[in-house]
Amino acid sequence: MSQVLRLAAAALTGLCVLCLTACGGGSDSAPSTPTPEQLASASVPGLMTFTKDVIDTQTSEGSDPRSLDGIVPPVSDSAEPWVFQ
């Protein structure tokens, strides 16, 4: 009986290993393009470019407001202050 249990345990282990290798490692071949929110959160120039683009696209008072969810302004203790032009 112990030989049957060993065989069943080995089969179960093999099945688990097979399942784990089948579900891992799938990646996209092309790198994903960063979203505007990611670009705005990456650097101060990116945030300023994002802000200018939002202002330029909001041309009328009837435009819907743009959500700012997902944007975390970058913070630096050593960088010079950014001049908005």
N, C-alpha and C. Protein backbone atom coordinates (compact mmCIF):
# COMPACT_ATOMS: atom_id res chain seq x y z
N MET A 1 0.82 -1.19 0.00
CA MET A 1 0.00 0.00 0.00
C MET A 1 0.86 1.26 0.00
N SER A 2 1.99 1.24 0.68
CA SER A 2 2.84 2.43 0.73
C SER A 2 3.42 2.76 -0.63
N GLN A 3 3.60 1.75 -1.48
CA GLN A 3 4.11 2.01 -2.83
C GLN A 3 3.05 2.74 -3.66
N VAL A 4 1.79 2.43 -3.45
CA VAL A 4 0.70 3.11 -4.15
C VAL A 4 0.62 4.56 -3.69
N LEU A 5 0.80 4.78 -2.38
CA LEU A 5 0.78 6.16 -1.86
C LEU A 5 1.96 6.97 -2.41
N ARG A 6 3.13 6.34 -2.51
CA ARG A 6 4.30 7.04 -3.07
C ARG A 6 4.05 7.40 -4.53
N LEU A 7 3.48 6.47 -5.27
CA LEU A 7 3.19 6.72 -6.68
C LEU A 7 2.15 7.84 -6.82
N ALA A 8 1.14 7.83 -5.97
CA ALA A 8 0.12 8.89 -6.00
C ALA A 8 0.72 10.24 -5.61
N ALA A 9 1.59 10.24 -4.61
CA ALA A 9 2.24 11.49 -4.20
C ALA A 9 3.15 12.02 -5.30
N ALA A 10 3.88 11.13 -5.96
CA ALA A 10 4.75 11.54 -7.06
C ALA A 10 3.93 12.10 -8.22
N ALA A 11 2.81 11.45 -8.52
CA ALA A 11 1.94 11.92 -9.60
C ALA A 11 1.34 13.28 -9.26
N LEU A 12 0.91 13.45 -8.02
CA LEU A 12 0.35 14.72 -7.58
C LEU A 12 1.40 15.84 -7.61
N THR A 13 2.61 15.52 -7.18
CA THR A 13 3.71 16.49 -7.22
C THR A 13 4.00 16.90 -8.67
N GLY A 14 4.06 15.91 -9.54
CA GLY A 14 4.31 16.19 -10.95
C GLY A 14 3.21 17.05 -11.55
N LEU A 15 1.97 16.79 -11.20
CA LEU A 15 0.85 17.58 -11.68
C LEU A 15 0.93 19.02 -11.18
N CYS A 16 1.30 19.19 -9.90
CA CYS A 16 1.46 20.54 -9.34
C CYS A 16 2.56 21.31 -10.05
N VAL A 17 3.69 20.66 -10.29
CA VAL A 17 4.81 21.32 -10.99
C VAL A 17 4.39 21.70 -12.40
N LEU A 18 3.68 20.81 -13.08
CA LEU A 18 3.21 21.09 -14.43
C LEU A 18 2.25 22.28 -14.44
N CYS A 19 1.35 22.33 -13.48
CA CYS A 19 0.41 23.45 -13.41
C CYS A 19 1.12 24.77 -13.12
N LEU A 20 2.11 24.74 -12.23
CA LEU A 20 2.82 25.98 -11.89
C LEU A 20 3.66 26.48 -13.06
N THR A 21 4.25 25.61 -13.82
CA THR A 21 5.05 26.06 -14.97
C THR A 21 4.16 26.53 -16.10
N ALA A 22 2.96 26.04 -16.19
CA ALA A 22 2.05 26.45 -17.27
C ALA A 22 1.50 27.85 -17.05
N CYS A 23 1.41 28.32 -15.82
CA CYS A 23 0.77 29.60 -15.57
C CYS A 23 1.74 30.76 -15.42
N GLY A 24 3.02 30.54 -15.50
CA GLY A 24 3.95 31.64 -15.27
C GLY A 24 4.71 32.05 -16.51
N GLY A 25 5.22 33.29 -16.50
CA GLY A 25 6.15 33.74 -17.52
C GLY A 25 5.54 34.35 -18.76
N GLY A 26 4.26 34.43 -18.87
CA GLY A 26 3.67 35.04 -20.06
C GLY A 26 3.87 36.53 -20.06
N SER A 27 4.54 37.06 -21.09
CA SER A 27 4.76 38.51 -21.14
C SER A 27 4.42 39.01 -22.53
N ASP A 28 4.10 40.27 -22.61
CA ASP A 28 3.81 40.89 -23.90
C ASP A 28 5.10 41.09 -24.66
N SER A 29 5.04 40.95 -25.96
CA SER A 29 6.25 41.13 -26.76
C SER A 29 6.59 42.61 -26.93
N ALA A 30 5.58 43.46 -26.97
CA ALA A 30 5.81 44.89 -27.13
C ALA A 30 5.68 45.59 -25.78
N PRO A 31 6.60 46.53 -25.49
CA PRO A 31 6.47 47.26 -24.22
C PRO A 31 5.24 48.16 -24.25
N SER A 32 4.63 48.31 -23.10
CA SER A 32 3.43 49.14 -23.04
C SER A 32 3.81 50.63 -23.04
N THR A 33 2.96 51.42 -23.65
CA THR A 33 3.17 52.87 -23.69
C THR A 33 2.68 53.46 -22.38
N PRO A 34 3.50 54.31 -21.74
CA PRO A 34 3.06 54.91 -20.48
C PRO A 34 1.83 55.79 -20.68
N THR A 35 0.95 55.77 -19.71
CA THR A 35 -0.25 56.60 -19.76
C THR A 35 0.12 58.05 -19.45
N PRO A 36 -0.74 59.00 -19.80
CA PRO A 36 -0.45 60.40 -19.44
C PRO A 36 -0.28 60.58 -17.93
N GLU A 37 -1.02 59.80 -17.14
CA GLU A 37 -0.90 59.90 -15.68
C GLU A 37 0.49 59.44 -15.22
N GLN A 38 1.01 58.39 -15.83
CA GLN A 38 2.34 57.90 -15.48
C GLN A 38 3.41 58.91 -15.88
N LEU A 39 3.25 59.52 -17.05
CA LEU A 39 4.22 60.52 -17.49
C LEU A 39 4.19 61.75 -16.58
N ALA A 40 2.99 62.14 -16.15
CA ALA A 40 2.86 63.31 -15.28
C ALA A 40 3.45 63.02 -13.90
N SER A 41 3.38 61.79 -13.45
CA SER A 41 3.91 61.43 -12.13
C SER A 41 5.41 61.19 -12.15
N ALA A 42 5.99 61.04 -13.33
CA ALA A 42 7.40 60.67 -13.42
C ALA A 42 8.36 61.84 -13.15
N SER A 43 7.99 63.04 -13.60
CA SER A 43 8.90 64.18 -13.43
C SER A 43 8.12 65.48 -13.46
N VAL A 44 8.77 66.54 -13.01
CA VAL A 44 8.13 67.85 -13.03
C VAL A 44 7.89 68.32 -14.47
N PRO A 45 8.85 68.17 -15.39
CA PRO A 45 8.54 68.56 -16.78
C PRO A 45 7.37 67.75 -17.36
N GLY A 46 7.28 66.48 -17.00
CA GLY A 46 6.14 65.67 -17.45
C GLY A 46 4.83 66.18 -16.89
N LEU A 47 4.84 66.60 -15.62
CA LEU A 47 3.64 67.16 -14.99
C LEU A 47 3.25 68.48 -15.66
N MET A 48 4.23 69.30 -15.97
CA MET A 48 3.94 70.58 -16.61
C MET A 48 3.40 70.37 -18.03
N THR A 49 3.96 69.41 -18.76
CA THR A 49 3.46 69.10 -20.10
C THR A 49 2.03 68.59 -20.02
N PHE A 50 1.76 67.73 -19.06
CA PHE A 50 0.40 67.22 -18.86
C PHE A 50 -0.56 68.37 -18.55
N THR A 51 -0.14 69.28 -17.67
CA THR A 51 -0.98 70.41 -17.29
C THR A 51 -1.28 71.30 -18.49
N LYS A 52 -0.25 71.59 -19.28
CA LYS A 52 -0.46 72.42 -20.47
C LYS A 52 -1.41 71.73 -21.44
N ASP A 53 -1.27 70.43 -21.63
CA ASP A 53 -2.15 69.70 -22.54
C ASP A 53 -3.59 69.72 -22.06
N VAL A 54 -3.79 69.59 -20.76
CA VAL A 54 -5.16 69.63 -20.21
C VAL A 54 -5.76 71.02 -20.40
N ILE A 55 -4.97 72.05 -20.16
CA ILE A 55 -5.47 73.42 -20.33
C ILE A 55 -5.79 73.68 -21.80
N ASP A 56 -4.94 73.20 -22.70
CA ASP A 56 -5.18 73.42 -24.13
C ASP A 56 -6.42 72.70 -24.63
N THR A 57 -6.72 71.53 -24.09
CA THR A 57 -7.88 70.78 -24.56
C THR A 57 -9.18 71.25 -23.94
N GLN A 58 -9.13 71.96 -22.83
CA GLN A 58 -10.34 72.49 -22.19
C GLN A 58 -10.60 73.87 -22.75
N THR A 59 -11.10 73.93 -23.97
CA THR A 59 -11.23 75.21 -24.67
C THR A 59 -12.53 75.94 -24.37
N SER A 60 -13.54 75.23 -23.94
CA SER A 60 -14.81 75.91 -23.69
C SER A 60 -15.32 75.58 -22.30
N GLU A 61 -16.24 76.40 -21.85
CA GLU A 61 -16.80 76.16 -20.52
C GLU A 61 -17.69 74.94 -20.49
N GLY A 62 -18.10 74.45 -21.65
CA GLY A 62 -18.96 73.28 -21.72
C GLY A 62 -18.20 71.97 -21.68
N SER A 63 -16.86 72.03 -21.67
CA SER A 63 -16.05 70.81 -21.65
C SER A 63 -16.16 70.11 -20.30
N ASP A 64 -16.11 68.78 -20.35
CA ASP A 64 -16.12 68.01 -19.11
C ASP A 64 -14.76 68.12 -18.43
N PRO A 65 -14.72 68.17 -17.10
CA PRO A 65 -13.44 68.25 -16.40
C PRO A 65 -12.65 66.96 -16.55
N ARG A 66 -11.35 67.07 -16.53
CA ARG A 66 -10.44 65.92 -16.65
C ARG A 66 -10.16 65.39 -15.27
N SER A 67 -10.30 64.08 -15.09
CA SER A 67 -10.00 63.46 -13.80
C SER A 67 -8.49 63.44 -13.57
N LEU A 68 -8.09 63.67 -12.35
CA LEU A 68 -6.67 63.64 -11.99
C LEU A 68 -6.32 62.42 -11.14
N ASP A 69 -7.20 61.42 -11.15
CA ASP A 69 -6.91 60.19 -10.41
C ASP A 69 -5.66 59.53 -10.96
N GLY A 70 -4.84 59.05 -10.09
CA GLY A 70 -3.63 58.33 -10.49
C GLY A 70 -2.42 59.22 -10.68
N ILE A 71 -2.55 60.51 -10.52
CA ILE A 71 -1.40 61.41 -10.68
C ILE A 71 -0.86 61.75 -9.30
N VAL A 72 0.41 61.43 -9.10
CA VAL A 72 1.10 61.76 -7.86
C VAL A 72 2.24 62.71 -8.24
N PRO A 73 2.11 63.98 -7.90
CA PRO A 73 3.16 64.94 -8.29
C PRO A 73 4.52 64.53 -7.74
N PRO A 74 5.56 64.64 -8.57
CA PRO A 74 6.90 64.29 -8.12
C PRO A 74 7.41 65.29 -7.09
N VAL A 75 8.20 64.79 -6.14
CA VAL A 75 8.75 65.63 -5.07
C VAL A 75 10.25 65.41 -5.02
N SER A 76 10.99 66.50 -4.93
CA SER A 76 12.44 66.41 -4.81
C SER A 76 12.93 67.44 -3.80
N ASP A 77 13.81 67.02 -2.92
CA ASP A 77 14.39 67.93 -1.94
C ASP A 77 15.60 68.66 -2.49
N SER A 78 16.15 68.17 -3.60
CA SER A 78 17.39 68.76 -4.09
C SER A 78 17.24 69.50 -5.42
N ALA A 79 16.14 69.32 -6.12
CA ALA A 79 15.96 69.95 -7.43
C ALA A 79 15.59 71.42 -7.27
N GLU A 80 15.95 72.19 -8.28
CA GLU A 80 15.60 73.61 -8.30
C GLU A 80 14.10 73.75 -8.55
N PRO A 81 13.50 74.83 -8.07
CA PRO A 81 12.07 75.05 -8.33
C PRO A 81 11.79 75.15 -9.84
N TRP A 82 10.66 74.63 -10.27
CA TRP A 82 10.30 74.65 -11.67
C TRP A 82 9.59 75.97 -12.00
N VAL A 83 10.00 76.58 -13.11
CA VAL A 83 9.38 77.82 -13.55
C VAL A 83 8.36 77.48 -14.63
N PHE A 84 7.11 77.78 -14.35
CA PHE A 84 6.04 77.49 -15.31
C PHE A 84 5.98 78.61 -16.31
N GLN A 85 6.15 78.31 -17.59
CA GLN A 85 6.18 79.33 -18.64
C GLN A 85 4.96 79.24 -19.50
